[in-house]
Amino acid sequence: MIAVPETPVIKKLAAEKQIAYTNDSDLFNNNDIKKIVLDNLTDLAKTNKLSGLEKIKAIYLTSDPFSIDNDILTPTMKIKRNIAAKVYAE
């Protein structure tokens, strides 16, 4: 799953958990932050009794939202799956 969390929320989470970072990129690539976000989503999935297929297995955090400008969304706000797959292939 690719997620675009709010930067202030992630910074607050890092401060609460005393996770050091030098810039926003460091923060979004931090494995501890990713684990916390994934654990929160897993708990939410269990609470809502989602099936195994609906539960998130891995997460990639980015601060760059999907937009028409970065060519990931069409003018009608639909995701361009082929472009997104190339951008987030790793």
C-alpha atoms as a PDB file:
ATOM      1  CA  MET A   1       0.000   0.000   0.000  1.00  0.00           C
ATOM      2  CA  ILE A   2       1.176   3.506  -0.760  1.00  0.00           C
ATOM      3  CA  ALA A   3       0.105   6.061   1.838  1.00  0.00           C
ATOM      4  CA  VAL A   4       0.445   9.847   1.925  1.00  0.00           C
ATOM      5  CA  PRO A   5       0.073  10.750   5.605  1.00  0.00           C
ATOM      6  CA  GLU A   6      -0.062  14.323   6.835  1.00  0.00           C
ATOM      7  CA  THR A   7       3.480  15.484   7.657  1.00  0.00           C
ATOM      8  CA  PRO A   8       2.503  17.176  10.980  1.00  0.00           C
ATOM      9  CA  VAL A   9       0.839  13.957  12.152  1.00  0.00           C
ATOM     10  CA  ILE A  10       3.930  11.887  11.330  1.00  0.00           C
ATOM     11  CA  LYS A  11       6.178  14.464  13.042  1.00  0.00           C
ATOM     12  CA  LYS A  12       3.976  14.327  16.146  1.00  0.00           C
ATOM     13  CA  LEU A  13       4.149  10.518  16.107  1.00  0.00           C
ATOM     14  CA  ALA A  14       7.952  10.660  15.851  1.00  0.00           C
ATOM     15  CA  ALA A  15       8.107  13.080  18.780  1.00  0.00           C
ATOM     16  CA  GLU A  16       5.845  10.867  20.918  1.00  0.00           C
ATOM     17  CA  LYS A  17       7.946   7.778  20.185  1.00  0.00           C
ATOM     18  CA  GLN A  18      11.232   9.731  20.449  1.00  0.00           C
ATOM     19  CA  ILE A  19      12.318   8.821  16.924  1.00  0.00           C
ATOM     20  CA  ALA A  20      15.157  11.009  15.658  1.00  0.00           C
ATOM     21  CA  TYR A  21      15.202  12.279  12.071  1.00  0.00           C
ATOM     22  CA  THR A  22      17.068  14.943  10.127  1.00  0.00           C
ATOM     23  CA  ASN A  23      14.511  15.806   7.433  1.00  0.00           C
ATOM     24  CA  ASP A  24      11.058  14.825   6.197  1.00  0.00           C
ATOM     25  CA  SER A  25      12.477  12.262   3.779  1.00  0.00           C
ATOM     26  CA  ASP A  26      14.247  10.515   6.672  1.00  0.00           C
ATOM     27  CA  LEU A  27      11.015  10.531   8.604  1.00  0.00           C
ATOM     28  CA  PHE A  28       8.915   8.942   5.854  1.00  0.00           C
ATOM     29  CA  ASN A  29      11.566   6.274   5.193  1.00  0.00           C
ATOM     30  CA  ASN A  30      12.028   5.388   8.868  1.00  0.00           C
ATOM     31  CA  ASN A  31      11.195   1.716   9.476  1.00  0.00           C
ATOM     32  CA  ASP A  32       9.910   2.401  13.015  1.00  0.00           C
ATOM     33  CA  ILE A  33       7.398   4.943  11.697  1.00  0.00           C
ATOM     34  CA  LYS A  34       6.308   2.546   8.940  1.00  0.00           C
ATOM     35  CA  LYS A  35       5.823  -0.225  11.503  1.00  0.00           C
ATOM     36  CA  ILE A  36       3.734   2.007  13.775  1.00  0.00           C
ATOM     37  CA  VAL A  37       1.491   3.115  10.889  1.00  0.00           C
ATOM     38  CA  LEU A  38       1.144  -0.460   9.616  1.00  0.00           C
ATOM     39  CA  ASP A  39       0.330  -1.730  13.124  1.00  0.00           C
ATOM     40  CA  ASN A  40      -2.352   0.958  13.500  1.00  0.00           C
ATOM     41  CA  LEU A  41      -3.887  -0.037  10.171  1.00  0.00           C
ATOM     42  CA  THR A  42      -3.728  -3.728  11.124  1.00  0.00           C
ATOM     43  CA  ASP A  43      -5.525  -3.004  14.403  1.00  0.00           C
ATOM     44  CA  LEU A  44      -8.156  -1.045  12.499  1.00  0.00           C
ATOM     45  CA  ALA A  45      -8.601  -3.953  10.079  1.00  0.00           C
ATOM     46  CA  LYS A  46      -9.075  -6.396  12.986  1.00  0.00           C
ATOM     47  CA  THR A  47     -11.564  -4.062  14.655  1.00  0.00           C
ATOM     48  CA  ASN A  48     -13.593  -3.902  11.458  1.00  0.00           C
ATOM     49  CA  LYS A  49     -13.265  -7.660  10.894  1.00  0.00           C
ATOM     50  CA  LEU A  50     -11.703  -7.404   7.454  1.00  0.00           C
ATOM     51  CA  SER A  51     -10.784 -10.584   5.630  1.00  0.00           C
ATOM     52  CA  GLY A  52      -7.175 -11.580   5.046  1.00  0.00           C
ATOM     53  CA  LEU A  53      -7.323 -10.295   1.484  1.00  0.00           C
ATOM     54  CA  GLU A  54      -8.403  -6.862   2.674  1.00  0.00           C
ATOM     55  CA  LYS A  55      -5.654  -6.452   5.273  1.00  0.00           C
ATOM     56  CA  ILE A  56      -2.540  -4.449   4.455  1.00  0.00           C
ATOM     57  CA  LYS A  57       0.655  -6.493   4.408  1.00  0.00           C
ATOM     58  CA  ALA A  58       3.236  -3.791   3.646  1.00  0.00           C
ATOM     59  CA  ILE A  59       3.280  -0.010   3.444  1.00  0.00           C
ATOM     60  CA  TYR A  60       5.256   2.682   1.662  1.00  0.00           C
ATOM     61  CA  LEU A  61       4.998   6.216   3.048  1.00  0.00           C
ATOM     62  CA  THR A  62       5.493   9.260   0.862  1.00  0.00           C
ATOM     63  CA  SER A  63       5.016  12.975   1.417  1.00  0.00           C
ATOM     64  CA  ASP A  64       4.257  13.608  -2.273  1.00  0.00           C
ATOM     65  CA  PRO A  65       0.489  13.357  -2.814  1.00  0.00           C
ATOM     66  CA  PHE A  66      -0.955  11.890  -5.981  1.00  0.00           C
ATOM     67  CA  SER A  67      -1.812  14.734  -8.341  1.00  0.00           C
ATOM     68  CA  ILE A  68      -2.317  15.701 -11.950  1.00  0.00           C
ATOM     69  CA  ASP A  69       0.951  17.687 -11.784  1.00  0.00           C
ATOM     70  CA  ASN A  70       3.083  14.623 -10.987  1.00  0.00           C
ATOM     71  CA  ASP A  71       1.169  12.686 -13.681  1.00  0.00           C
ATOM     72  CA  ILE A  72      -0.186  10.012 -11.345  1.00  0.00           C
ATOM     73  CA  LEU A  73      -3.792  11.205 -11.617  1.00  0.00           C
ATOM     74  CA  THR A  74      -5.869  11.904 -14.698  1.00  0.00           C
ATOM     75  CA  PRO A  75      -7.808  15.192 -15.006  1.00  0.00           C
ATOM     76  CA  THR A  76     -10.863  13.274 -13.746  1.00  0.00           C
ATOM     77  CA  MET A  77      -8.885  12.286 -10.593  1.00  0.00           C
ATOM     78  CA  LYS A  78      -8.476   8.623 -11.490  1.00  0.00           C
ATOM     79  CA  ILE A  79      -5.154   6.937 -10.788  1.00  0.00           C
ATOM     80  CA  LYS A  80      -2.920   6.109 -13.727  1.00  0.00           C
ATOM     81  CA  ARG A  81      -1.977   2.633 -12.579  1.00  0.00           C
ATOM     82  CA  ASN A  82       0.785   2.113 -15.134  1.00  0.00           C
ATOM     83  CA  ILE A  83       2.508   5.398 -14.186  1.00  0.00           C
ATOM     84  CA  ALA A  84       2.061   4.762 -10.455  1.00  0.00           C
ATOM     85  CA  ALA A  85       3.508   1.267 -10.874  1.00  0.00           C
ATOM     86  CA  LYS A  86       6.617   2.721 -12.532  1.00  0.00           C
ATOM     87  CA  VAL A  87       7.051   5.490  -9.936  1.00  0.00           C
ATOM     88  CA  TYR A  88       6.629   3.181  -6.943  1.00  0.00           C
ATOM     89  CA  ALA A  89       8.125   0.009  -8.466  1.00  0.00           C
ATOM     90  CA  GLU A  90      10.765  -0.406  -5.775  1.00  0.00           C
END
